C-alpha cells in the first residue's frame, strides 16, 4: 500500500492528524499531480488554508494534469477569493477535460457575480434538480433578467416534497421579488413554525403582509418574533455550560436585544415605504477530489 492510500485509510477512520502527515509525506516522496492535488484538497477543505492549497494546486497544474480535479480545486479557491474571472478560466478548463455538476454550478455562480446573468442562468438550469437550490438560483437569475413570467411559471411548480427542496422561506423570498405577495405570504406561513426567526426574513414577511393589507397578522408576527427573542434571552441567562463564558453570554444577549429592537421598529418602518432588500446570493459548491478515494470510487491519478 502506497503512502497516499495509507493516508486515505487513516482519513476514512477520522484519524485526521496522522492522515495529514502522510499526505505531506507523499508530497515529500514525489511532487507530482496526485500528491500535490490531495494535499491541496486537505489544506483547502480540512485546514481551511487556501493560501497553502493554492501554492500546491498551482504546482500541480503546471504539470498539465489530465484530470479535472486540480482545476476544480483551483476554481473553488479563486471563488472564495472572489476572483471570478480566474475562477471561470479554471472551471472552463475543468469542464473541457470532464464536465461535472460542481464545475457547472461554480461557473454559473462566477458568471452571476461577473454580471453575466444569462450565462449564469443557462448553466444553473443545466444541472438543476427538482425544486432545489440550483433551481432557486436559476429563477433568481430570470427575475434579475426581467423574465418575470418565466420565473413565476417555474416558481409555481416548486414542490415541498422534493428530496432537495430549497425551503419555504426561500420560495417566499422569490415571490416577494416578483411582487406576488399573496403567494409569498402563503409560503412564509408554511415556513413560519419551521424556521428560526430572524429580522431578515421576518421583515420580508411583514412587507408581503403589508402589501396584502393584513395588518393584524403583522402585529401577530412581530409579537411572536419578540417572544422568541425574550425566551432566548431567558435561556441564555440560565445557561451553565462550561464553554459558555459570561462574556459570551453578554455578547449574545446584546445581539438578541439588537434583533428585538429591529422587530419593534418594523411595524413603523415598512409602512413608511421601506422595502427590505433580498440578501440571498448563489453560493459555491464542492466535492471530494482525492485521487484514490475508495469511498467515492476515485481511481489514482493516471496520465
C-alpha atoms as a PDB file:
ATOM      1  CA  UNK A   1       0.000   0.000   0.000  1.00  0.00           C
ATOM      2  CA  UNK A   2       1.478   3.358  -1.045  1.00  0.00           C
ATOM      3  CA  UNK A   3       1.652   6.462   1.152  1.00  0.00           C
ATOM      4  CA  UNK A   4      -1.391   8.033  -0.460  1.00  0.00           C
ATOM      5  CA  UNK A   5      -3.576   5.004   0.238  1.00  0.00           C
ATOM      6  CA  UNK A   6      -2.399   4.774   3.829  1.00  0.00           C
ATOM      7  CA  UNK A   7      -3.247   8.459   4.250  1.00  0.00           C
ATOM      8  CA  UNK A   8      -6.699   7.900   2.769  1.00  0.00           C
ATOM      9  CA  UNK A   9      -7.338   4.920   5.046  1.00  0.00           C
ATOM     10  CA  UNK A  10      -6.457   6.994   8.107  1.00  0.00           C
ATOM     11  CA  UNK A  11      -8.600   9.876   6.873  1.00  0.00           C
ATOM     12  CA  UNK A  12     -11.528   7.493   6.413  1.00  0.00           C
ATOM     13  CA  UNK A  13     -11.102   6.402  10.047  1.00  0.00           C
ATOM     14  CA  UNK A  14     -11.158  10.059  11.188  1.00  0.00           C
ATOM     15  CA  UNK A  15      -7.501   9.853  12.218  1.00  0.00           C
ATOM     16  CA  UNK A  16      -7.019  13.281  10.730  1.00  0.00           C
ATOM     17  CA  UNK A  17      -3.663  14.390  12.165  1.00  0.00           C
ATOM     18  CA  UNK A  18      -1.942  11.174  11.125  1.00  0.00           C
ATOM     19  CA  UNK A  19      -3.586  11.289   7.688  1.00  0.00           C
ATOM     20  CA  UNK A  20      -2.446  14.852   7.030  1.00  0.00           C
ATOM     21  CA  UNK A  21       1.101  13.939   7.974  1.00  0.00           C
ATOM     22  CA  UNK A  22       1.078  11.089   5.456  1.00  0.00           C
ATOM     23  CA  UNK A  23      -0.354  13.331   2.726  1.00  0.00           C
ATOM     24  CA  UNK A  24       2.577  15.672   3.409  1.00  0.00           C
ATOM     25  CA  UNK A  25       4.971  12.714   3.292  1.00  0.00           C
ATOM     26  CA  UNK A  26       3.566  11.675  -0.078  1.00  0.00           C
ATOM     27  CA  UNK A  27       4.499  15.105  -1.455  1.00  0.00           C
ATOM     28  CA  UNK A  28       7.987  14.817   0.009  1.00  0.00           C
ATOM     29  CA  UNK A  29       8.401  11.411  -1.626  1.00  0.00           C
ATOM     30  CA  UNK A  30       7.237  12.602  -5.027  1.00  0.00           C
ATOM     31  CA  UNK A  31       5.943  16.017  -6.052  1.00  0.00           C
ATOM     32  CA  UNK A  32       3.526  15.045  -8.791  1.00  0.00           C
ATOM     33  CA  UNK A  33      -0.098  15.671  -9.657  1.00  0.00           C
ATOM     34  CA  UNK A  34      -1.685  13.157  -7.281  1.00  0.00           C
ATOM     35  CA  UNK A  35       0.291  14.005  -4.147  1.00  0.00           C
ATOM     36  CA  UNK A  36       0.092  17.782  -4.715  1.00  0.00           C
ATOM     37  CA  UNK A  37      -3.643  17.635  -5.516  1.00  0.00           C
ATOM     38  CA  UNK A  38      -4.542  15.546  -2.471  1.00  0.00           C
ATOM     39  CA  UNK A  39      -2.552  17.653  -0.040  1.00  0.00           C
ATOM     40  CA  UNK A  40      -4.031  20.819  -1.582  1.00  0.00           C
ATOM     41  CA  UNK A  41      -7.537  19.393  -1.100  1.00  0.00           C
ATOM     42  CA  UNK A  42      -6.767  18.632   2.548  1.00  0.00           C
ATOM     43  CA  UNK A  43      -5.473  22.147   3.150  1.00  0.00           C
ATOM     44  CA  UNK A  44      -8.430  23.720   1.396  1.00  0.00           C
ATOM     45  CA  UNK A  45     -11.253  21.563   2.760  1.00  0.00           C
ATOM     46  CA  UNK A  46      -9.998  20.422   6.144  1.00  0.00           C
ATOM     47  CA  UNK A  47      -7.492  23.073   7.217  1.00  0.00           C
ATOM     48  CA  UNK A  48      -9.326  25.971   5.522  1.00  0.00           C
ATOM     49  CA  UNK A  49      -5.923  27.235   4.440  1.00  0.00           C
ATOM     50  CA  UNK A  50      -6.407  28.324   0.836  1.00  0.00           C
ATOM     51  CA  UNK A  51      -3.036  30.054   0.738  1.00  0.00           C
ATOM     52  CA  UNK A  52      -1.133  26.791   1.158  1.00  0.00           C
ATOM     53  CA  UNK A  53      -3.613  24.930  -1.017  1.00  0.00           C
ATOM     54  CA  UNK A  54      -3.253  27.449  -3.839  1.00  0.00           C
ATOM     55  CA  UNK A  55       0.522  27.115  -3.907  1.00  0.00           C
ATOM     56  CA  UNK A  56       0.278  23.334  -4.168  1.00  0.00           C
ATOM     57  CA  UNK A  57      -2.508  23.186  -6.744  1.00  0.00           C
ATOM     58  CA  UNK A  58      -0.774  25.719  -8.993  1.00  0.00           C
ATOM     59  CA  UNK A  59       2.295  23.481  -8.960  1.00  0.00           C
ATOM     60  CA  UNK A  60       0.124  20.508  -9.914  1.00  0.00           C
ATOM     61  CA  UNK A  61      -1.490  22.433 -12.776  1.00  0.00           C
ATOM     62  CA  UNK A  62       1.911  23.407 -14.171  1.00  0.00           C
ATOM     63  CA  UNK A  63       2.248  19.686 -14.948  1.00  0.00           C
ATOM     64  CA  UNK A  64      -0.770  19.944 -17.292  1.00  0.00           C
ATOM     65  CA  UNK A  65      -2.856  17.287 -15.498  1.00  0.00           C
ATOM     66  CA  UNK A  66      -5.213  15.046 -17.449  1.00  0.00           C
ATOM     67  CA  UNK A  67      -7.790  15.120 -14.615  1.00  0.00           C
ATOM     68  CA  UNK A  68     -10.337  17.836 -13.852  1.00  0.00           C
ATOM     69  CA  UNK A  69      -9.751  17.506 -10.087  1.00  0.00           C
ATOM     70  CA  UNK A  70      -6.952  20.103  -9.790  1.00  0.00           C
ATOM     71  CA  UNK A  71      -8.881  22.634 -11.889  1.00  0.00           C
ATOM     72  CA  UNK A  72     -11.995  22.292  -9.730  1.00  0.00           C
ATOM     73  CA  UNK A  73      -9.911  22.859  -6.611  1.00  0.00           C
ATOM     74  CA  UNK A  74      -8.247  25.896  -8.207  1.00  0.00           C
ATOM     75  CA  UNK A  75     -11.620  27.261  -9.320  1.00  0.00           C
ATOM     76  CA  UNK A  76     -13.104  26.917  -5.840  1.00  0.00           C
ATOM     77  CA  UNK A  77     -10.158  28.675  -4.211  1.00  0.00           C
ATOM     78  CA  UNK A  78     -10.469  31.587  -6.646  1.00  0.00           C
ATOM     79  CA  UNK A  79     -14.221  31.672  -5.964  1.00  0.00           C
ATOM     80  CA  UNK A  80     -13.636  32.051  -2.249  1.00  0.00           C
ATOM     81  CA  UNK A  81     -11.152  34.815  -3.047  1.00  0.00           C
ATOM     82  CA  UNK A  82     -13.837  36.449  -5.226  1.00  0.00           C
ATOM     83  CA  UNK A  83     -11.543  36.270  -8.241  1.00  0.00           C
ATOM     84  CA  UNK A  84     -14.416  35.461 -10.559  1.00  0.00           C
ATOM     85  CA  UNK A  85     -12.584  35.684 -13.909  1.00  0.00           C
ATOM     86  CA  UNK A  86      -9.724  33.468 -12.770  1.00  0.00           C
ATOM     87  CA  UNK A  87     -12.263  31.034 -11.338  1.00  0.00           C
ATOM     88  CA  UNK A  88     -14.099  30.977 -14.678  1.00  0.00           C
ATOM     89  CA  UNK A  89     -10.921  30.132 -16.600  1.00  0.00           C
ATOM     90  CA  UNK A  90     -10.096  27.271 -14.237  1.00  0.00           C
ATOM     91  CA  UNK A  91     -13.624  25.864 -14.311  1.00  0.00           C
ATOM     92  CA  UNK A  92     -13.901  26.068 -18.107  1.00  0.00           C
ATOM     93  CA  UNK A  93     -10.665  24.088 -18.322  1.00  0.00           C
ATOM     94  CA  UNK A  94     -12.103  21.558 -15.874  1.00  0.00           C
ATOM     95  CA  UNK A  95     -15.237  21.148 -17.996  1.00  0.00           C
ATOM     96  CA  UNK A  96     -13.160  20.762 -21.170  1.00  0.00           C
ATOM     97  CA  UNK A  97     -11.440  17.775 -19.553  1.00  0.00           C
ATOM     98  CA  UNK A  98     -14.529  16.235 -17.978  1.00  0.00           C
ATOM     99  CA  UNK A  99     -17.822  18.016 -17.217  1.00  0.00           C
ATOM    100  CA  UNK A 100     -19.015  17.853 -13.613  1.00  0.00           C
ATOM    101  CA  UNK A 101     -22.016  19.303 -11.827  1.00  0.00           C
ATOM    102  CA  UNK A 102     -19.710  21.065  -9.365  1.00  0.00           C
ATOM    103  CA  UNK A 103     -17.816  22.854 -12.133  1.00  0.00           C
ATOM    104  CA  UNK A 104     -21.009  23.910 -13.918  1.00  0.00           C
ATOM    105  CA  UNK A 105     -22.510  25.106 -10.644  1.00  0.00           C
ATOM    106  CA  UNK A 106     -19.476  27.148  -9.644  1.00  0.00           C
ATOM    107  CA  UNK A 107     -19.058  28.531 -13.149  1.00  0.00           C
ATOM    108  CA  UNK A 108     -22.684  29.685 -13.014  1.00  0.00           C
ATOM    109  CA  UNK A 109     -22.005  31.408  -9.695  1.00  0.00           C
ATOM    110  CA  UNK A 110     -18.871  33.076 -11.093  1.00  0.00           C
ATOM    111  CA  UNK A 111     -20.805  34.318 -14.126  1.00  0.00           C
ATOM    112  CA  UNK A 112     -23.534  35.617 -11.814  1.00  0.00           C
ATOM    113  CA  UNK A 113     -21.063  37.740  -9.873  1.00  0.00           C
ATOM    114  CA  UNK A 114     -19.462  38.902 -13.131  1.00  0.00           C
ATOM    115  CA  UNK A 115     -22.887  40.207 -14.152  1.00  0.00           C
ATOM    116  CA  UNK A 116     -23.356  37.697 -16.984  1.00  0.00           C
ATOM    117  CA  UNK A 117     -26.795  36.685 -15.769  1.00  0.00           C
ATOM    118  CA  UNK A 118     -27.927  34.928 -18.949  1.00  0.00           C
ATOM    119  CA  UNK A 119     -24.919  32.594 -18.974  1.00  0.00           C
ATOM    120  CA  UNK A 120     -25.320  32.003 -15.242  1.00  0.00           C
ATOM    121  CA  UNK A 121     -28.988  31.164 -15.751  1.00  0.00           C
ATOM    122  CA  UNK A 122     -28.154  28.746 -18.575  1.00  0.00           C
ATOM    123  CA  UNK A 123     -25.536  26.923 -16.515  1.00  0.00           C
ATOM    124  CA  UNK A 124     -27.779  26.704 -13.451  1.00  0.00           C
ATOM    125  CA  UNK A 125     -30.693  25.169 -15.361  1.00  0.00           C
ATOM    126  CA  UNK A 126     -28.310  22.686 -16.990  1.00  0.00           C
ATOM    127  CA  UNK A 127     -27.725  20.964 -13.631  1.00  0.00           C
ATOM    128  CA  UNK A 128     -30.909  21.939 -11.770  1.00  0.00           C
ATOM    129  CA  UNK A 129     -32.826  19.314  -9.846  1.00  0.00           C
ATOM    130  CA  UNK A 130     -36.367  19.255  -8.544  1.00  0.00           C
ATOM    131  CA  UNK A 131     -37.105  22.443  -6.575  1.00  0.00           C
ATOM    132  CA  UNK A 132     -33.542  22.558  -5.279  1.00  0.00           C
ATOM    133  CA  UNK A 133     -31.084  25.337  -4.506  1.00  0.00           C
ATOM    134  CA  UNK A 134     -29.750  25.324  -8.074  1.00  0.00           C
ATOM    135  CA  UNK A 135     -33.249  25.820  -9.489  1.00  0.00           C
ATOM    136  CA  UNK A 136     -33.723  28.613  -6.967  1.00  0.00           C
ATOM    137  CA  UNK A 137     -30.574  30.311  -8.299  1.00  0.00           C
ATOM    138  CA  UNK A 138     -31.807  29.866 -11.879  1.00  0.00           C
ATOM    139  CA  UNK A 139     -35.143  31.512 -11.045  1.00  0.00           C
ATOM    140  CA  UNK A 140     -33.350  34.351  -9.260  1.00  0.00           C
ATOM    141  CA  UNK A 141     -31.341  34.968 -12.440  1.00  0.00           C
ATOM    142  CA  UNK A 142     -34.527  35.001 -14.513  1.00  0.00           C
ATOM    143  CA  UNK A 143     -36.032  37.621 -12.205  1.00  0.00           C
ATOM    144  CA  UNK A 144     -32.939  39.814 -12.468  1.00  0.00           C
ATOM    145  CA  UNK A 145     -33.018  39.404 -16.254  1.00  0.00           C
ATOM    146  CA  UNK A 146     -36.577  40.728 -16.274  1.00  0.00           C
ATOM    147  CA  UNK A 147     -38.034  37.363 -17.358  1.00  0.00           C
ATOM    148  CA  UNK A 148     -40.693  37.535 -14.695  1.00  0.00           C
ATOM    149  CA  UNK A 149     -43.366  35.418 -16.407  1.00  0.00           C
ATOM    150  CA  UNK A 150     -40.941  32.526 -16.961  1.00  0.00           C
ATOM    151  CA  UNK A 151     -39.620  32.925 -13.423  1.00  0.00           C
ATOM    152  CA  UNK A 152     -43.099  32.718 -11.903  1.00  0.00           C
ATOM    153  CA  UNK A 153     -44.041  29.700 -14.026  1.00  0.00           C
ATOM    154  CA  UNK A 154     -41.018  27.833 -12.677  1.00  0.00           C
ATOM    155  CA  UNK A 155     -41.515  29.032  -9.117  1.00  0.00           C
ATOM    156  CA  UNK A 156     -45.179  27.972  -9.159  1.00  0.00           C
ATOM    157  CA  UNK A 157     -44.198  24.316  -9.559  1.00  0.00           C
ATOM    158  CA  UNK A 158     -41.722  24.157  -6.676  1.00  0.00           C
ATOM    159  CA  UNK A 159     -42.507  21.016  -4.711  1.00  0.00           C
ATOM    160  CA  UNK A 160     -42.167  20.925  -0.926  1.00  0.00           C
ATOM    161  CA  UNK A 161     -41.906  17.117  -1.054  1.00  0.00           C
ATOM    162  CA  UNK A 162     -38.876  17.114  -3.360  1.00  0.00           C
ATOM    163  CA  UNK A 163     -35.794  15.455  -1.865  1.00  0.00           C
ATOM    164  CA  UNK A 164     -33.630  18.569  -2.268  1.00  0.00           C
ATOM    165  CA  UNK A 165     -36.386  21.155  -1.718  1.00  0.00           C
ATOM    166  CA  UNK A 166     -34.747  24.533  -1.175  1.00  0.00           C
ATOM    167  CA  UNK A 167     -37.105  25.632   1.612  1.00  0.00           C
ATOM    168  CA  UNK A 168     -40.351  27.509   2.165  1.00  0.00           C
ATOM    169  CA  UNK A 169     -38.807  30.839   3.141  1.00  0.00           C
ATOM    170  CA  UNK A 170     -36.519  30.793   0.106  1.00  0.00           C
ATOM    171  CA  UNK A 171     -39.510  30.255  -2.200  1.00  0.00           C
ATOM    172  CA  UNK A 172     -41.380  33.050  -0.431  1.00  0.00           C
ATOM    173  CA  UNK A 173     -38.384  35.339  -0.902  1.00  0.00           C
ATOM    174  CA  UNK A 174     -38.524  34.952  -4.679  1.00  0.00           C
ATOM    175  CA  UNK A 175     -42.275  35.600  -4.745  1.00  0.00           C
ATOM    176  CA  UNK A 176     -41.579  38.871  -2.932  1.00  0.00           C
ATOM    177  CA  UNK A 177     -39.098  39.757  -5.698  1.00  0.00           C
ATOM    178  CA  UNK A 178     -41.858  39.108  -8.224  1.00  0.00           C
ATOM    179  CA  UNK A 179     -44.313  41.297  -6.259  1.00  0.00           C
ATOM    180  CA  UNK A 180     -46.532  38.213  -5.904  1.00  0.00           C
ATOM    181  CA  UNK A 181     -47.396  38.987  -2.308  1.00  0.00           C
ATOM    182  CA  UNK A 182     -50.281  36.542  -1.774  1.00  0.00           C
ATOM    183  CA  UNK A 183     -48.078  33.656  -2.888  1.00  0.00           C
ATOM    184  CA  UNK A 184     -45.226  34.992  -0.747  1.00  0.00           C
ATOM    185  CA  UNK A 185     -47.455  35.125   2.346  1.00  0.00           C
ATOM    186  CA  UNK A 186     -48.612  31.555   1.677  1.00  0.00           C
ATOM    187  CA  UNK A 187     -45.014  30.261   1.655  1.00  0.00           C
ATOM    188  CA  UNK A 188     -43.913  32.395   4.601  1.00  0.00           C
ATOM    189  CA  UNK A 189     -46.776  30.923   6.617  1.00  0.00           C
ATOM    190  CA  UNK A 190     -45.736  27.379   5.615  1.00  0.00           C
ATOM    191  CA  UNK A 191     -42.252  28.041   6.962  1.00  0.00           C
ATOM    192  CA  UNK A 192     -43.251  30.128   9.987  1.00  0.00           C
ATOM    193  CA  UNK A 193     -43.148  27.314  12.529  1.00  0.00           C
ATOM    194  CA  UNK A 194     -40.178  25.512  10.945  1.00  0.00           C
ATOM    195  CA  UNK A 195     -37.575  28.269  10.651  1.00  0.00           C
ATOM    196  CA  UNK A 196     -35.689  30.111  13.344  1.00  0.00           C
ATOM    197  CA  UNK A 197     -36.979  33.645  13.080  1.00  0.00           C
ATOM    198  CA  UNK A 198     -34.505  36.363  12.185  1.00  0.00           C
ATOM    199  CA  UNK A 199     -35.043  40.007  11.241  1.00  0.00           C
ATOM    200  CA  UNK A 200     -34.077  39.490   7.602  1.00  0.00           C
ATOM    201  CA  UNK A 201     -36.824  37.139   6.508  1.00  0.00           C
ATOM    202  CA  UNK A 202     -39.368  38.314   9.058  1.00  0.00           C
ATOM    203  CA  UNK A 203     -39.060  41.815   7.593  1.00  0.00           C
ATOM    204  CA  UNK A 204     -39.700  40.342   4.127  1.00  0.00           C
ATOM    205  CA  UNK A 205     -42.751  38.514   5.514  1.00  0.00           C
ATOM    206  CA  UNK A 206     -44.072  41.737   7.046  1.00  0.00           C
ATOM    207  CA  UNK A 207     -43.516  43.548   3.750  1.00  0.00           C
ATOM    208  CA  UNK A 208     -45.607  40.906   1.957  1.00  0.00           C
ATOM    209  CA  UNK A 209     -48.325  41.137   4.616  1.00  0.00           C
ATOM    210  CA  UNK A 210     -48.397  44.926   4.323  1.00  0.00           C
ATOM    211  CA  UNK A 211     -48.940  44.608   0.578  1.00  0.00           C
ATOM    212  CA  UNK A 212     -51.840  42.213   1.168  1.00  0.00           C
ATOM    213  CA  UNK A 213     -53.233  44.658   3.758  1.00  0.00           C
ATOM    214  CA  UNK A 214     -53.183  42.076   6.552  1.00  0.00           C
ATOM    215  CA  UNK A 215     -52.244  44.479   9.334  1.00  0.00           C
ATOM    216  CA  UNK A 216     -53.486  42.255  12.218  1.00  0.00           C
ATOM    217  CA  UNK A 217     -51.171  39.448  11.094  1.00  0.00           C
ATOM    218  CA  UNK A 218     -48.232  41.885  11.005  1.00  0.00           C
ATOM    219  CA  UNK A 219     -48.729  42.593  14.704  1.00  0.00           C
ATOM    220  CA  UNK A 220     -49.023  38.862  15.451  1.00  0.00           C
ATOM    221  CA  UNK A 221     -45.797  38.115  13.560  1.00  0.00           C
ATOM    222  CA  UNK A 222     -43.860  40.831  15.377  1.00  0.00           C
ATOM    223  CA  UNK A 223     -45.250  39.709  18.737  1.00  0.00           C
ATOM    224  CA  UNK A 224     -44.241  36.071  18.146  1.00  0.00           C
ATOM    225  CA  UNK A 225     -40.783  37.065  16.954  1.00  0.00           C
ATOM    226  CA  UNK A 226     -40.206  39.204  20.054  1.00  0.00           C
ATOM    227  CA  UNK A 227     -41.490  36.374  22.267  1.00  0.00           C
ATOM    228  CA  UNK A 228     -38.859  34.089  20.727  1.00  0.00           C
ATOM    229  CA  UNK A 229     -36.163  36.672  21.499  1.00  0.00           C
ATOM    230  CA  UNK A 230     -37.325  37.095  25.107  1.00  0.00           C
ATOM    231  CA  UNK A 231     -37.333  33.322  25.616  1.00  0.00           C
ATOM    232  CA  UNK A 232     -33.858  33.028  24.134  1.00  0.00           C
ATOM    233  CA  UNK A 233     -32.546  35.780  26.423  1.00  0.00           C
ATOM    234  CA  UNK A 234     -34.040  33.981  29.422  1.00  0.00           C
ATOM    235  CA  UNK A 235     -32.479  30.667  28.402  1.00  0.00           C
ATOM    236  CA  UNK A 236     -29.101  32.341  27.844  1.00  0.00           C
ATOM    237  CA  UNK A 237     -29.092  33.785  31.364  1.00  0.00           C
ATOM    238  CA  UNK A 238     -29.764  30.283  32.747  1.00  0.00           C
ATOM    239  CA  UNK A 239     -27.150  28.547  30.563  1.00  0.00           C
ATOM    240  CA  UNK A 240     -24.488  26.783  32.650  1.00  0.00           C
ATOM    241  CA  UNK A 241     -22.255  25.032  30.103  1.00  0.00           C
ATOM    242  CA  UNK A 242     -18.534  25.236  30.862  1.00  0.00           C
ATOM    243  CA  UNK A 243     -17.571  26.614  27.439  1.00  0.00           C
ATOM    244  CA  UNK A 244     -20.226  29.345  27.670  1.00  0.00           C
ATOM    245  CA  UNK A 245     -18.477  32.261  29.400  1.00  0.00           C
ATOM    246  CA  UNK A 246     -20.154  35.327  30.854  1.00  0.00           C
ATOM    247  CA  UNK A 247     -18.579  37.375  28.090  1.00  0.00           C
ATOM    248  CA  UNK A 248     -20.067  35.001  25.509  1.00  0.00           C
ATOM    249  CA  UNK A 249     -23.464  35.403  27.138  1.00  0.00           C
ATOM    250  CA  UNK A 250     -23.228  39.193  27.215  1.00  0.00           C
ATOM    251  CA  UNK A 251     -22.229  39.322  23.550  1.00  0.00           C
ATOM    252  CA  UNK A 252     -25.066  37.021  22.508  1.00  0.00           C
ATOM    253  CA  UNK A 253     -27.651  38.852  24.608  1.00  0.00           C
ATOM    254  CA  UNK A 254     -26.528  42.149  23.077  1.00  0.00           C
ATOM    255  CA  UNK A 255     -27.092  40.637  19.633  1.00  0.00           C
ATOM    256  CA  UNK A 256     -30.547  39.424  20.666  1.00  0.00           C
ATOM    257  CA  UNK A 257     -31.503  42.849  22.011  1.00  0.00           C
ATOM    258  CA  UNK A 258     -30.427  44.442  18.730  1.00  0.00           C
ATOM    259  CA  UNK A 259     -32.670  41.997  16.869  1.00  0.00           C
ATOM    260  CA  UNK A 260     -35.546  42.763  19.243  1.00  0.00           C
ATOM    261  CA  UNK A 261     -35.108  46.459  18.526  1.00  0.00           C
ATOM    262  CA  UNK A 262     -35.347  45.753  14.791  1.00  0.00           C
ATOM    263  CA  UNK A 263     -38.608  43.876  15.279  1.00  0.00           C
ATOM    264  CA  UNK A 264     -40.069  46.704  17.327  1.00  0.00           C
ATOM    265  CA  UNK A 265     -39.281  49.190  14.534  1.00  0.00           C
ATOM    266  CA  UNK A 266     -40.609  47.066  11.670  1.00  0.00           C
ATOM    267  CA  UNK A 267     -44.258  47.928  12.243  1.00  0.00           C
ATOM    268  CA  UNK A 268     -43.475  51.583  11.523  1.00  0.00           C
ATOM    269  CA  UNK A 269     -40.568  51.177   9.104  1.00  0.00           C
ATOM    270  CA  UNK A 270     -42.215  49.096   6.368  1.00  0.00           C
ATOM    271  CA  UNK A 271     -45.463  51.133   6.096  1.00  0.00           C
ATOM    272  CA  UNK A 272     -43.268  54.226   5.705  1.00  0.00           C
ATOM    273  CA  UNK A 273     -42.062  52.946   2.324  1.00  0.00           C
ATOM    274  CA  UNK A 274     -39.003  50.858   3.266  1.00  0.00           C
ATOM    275  CA  UNK A 275     -38.537  47.775   1.069  1.00  0.00           C
ATOM    276  CA  UNK A 276     -36.292  45.153   2.721  1.00  0.00           C
ATOM    277  CA  UNK A 277     -33.825  44.001   0.040  1.00  0.00           C
ATOM    278  CA  UNK A 278     -33.206  40.348  -0.770  1.00  0.00           C
ATOM    279  CA  UNK A 279     -29.922  39.130   0.685  1.00  0.00           C
ATOM    280  CA  UNK A 280     -29.692  35.583  -0.604  1.00  0.00           C
ATOM    281  CA  UNK A 281     -26.979  35.115  -3.228  1.00  0.00           C
ATOM    282  CA  UNK A 282     -25.786  31.976  -5.074  1.00  0.00           C
ATOM    283  CA  UNK A 283     -23.108  30.067  -3.185  1.00  0.00           C
ATOM    284  CA  UNK A 284     -20.281  27.818  -4.346  1.00  0.00           C
ATOM    285  CA  UNK A 285     -20.241  24.064  -4.005  1.00  0.00           C
ATOM    286  CA  UNK A 286     -17.565  21.396  -3.754  1.00  0.00           C
ATOM    287  CA  UNK A 287     -16.894  17.677  -3.610  1.00  0.00           C
ATOM    288  CA  UNK A 288     -14.246  15.083  -2.873  1.00  0.00           C
ATOM    289  CA  UNK A 289     -11.347  15.450  -5.297  1.00  0.00           C
ATOM    290  CA  UNK A 290      -8.989  13.000  -3.617  1.00  0.00           C
ATOM    291  CA  UNK A 291      -7.239  10.640  -6.025  1.00  0.00           C
ATOM    292  CA  UNK A 292      -7.577   7.060  -4.799  1.00  0.00           C
ATOM    293  CA  UNK A 293     -10.568   7.697  -2.529  1.00  0.00           C
ATOM    294  CA  UNK A 294     -12.387   4.368  -2.346  1.00  0.00           C
ATOM    295  CA  UNK A 295     -15.455   5.877  -0.676  1.00  0.00           C
ATOM    296  CA  UNK A 296     -16.158   7.923  -3.825  1.00  0.00           C
ATOM    297  CA  UNK A 297     -14.751   5.328  -6.279  1.00  0.00           C
ATOM    298  CA  UNK A 298     -11.907   7.614  -7.366  1.00  0.00           C
ATOM    299  CA  UNK A 299      -9.003   5.909  -9.089  1.00  0.00           C
ATOM    300  CA  UNK A 300      -5.427   7.004  -8.504  1.00  0.00           C
ATOM    301  CA  UNK A 301      -4.122   9.604 -10.917  1.00  0.00           C
ATOM    302  CA  UNK A 302      -3.227   8.380 -14.383  1.00  0.00           C
ATOM    303  CA  UNK A 303      -1.625  10.356 -17.208  1.00  0.00           C
END
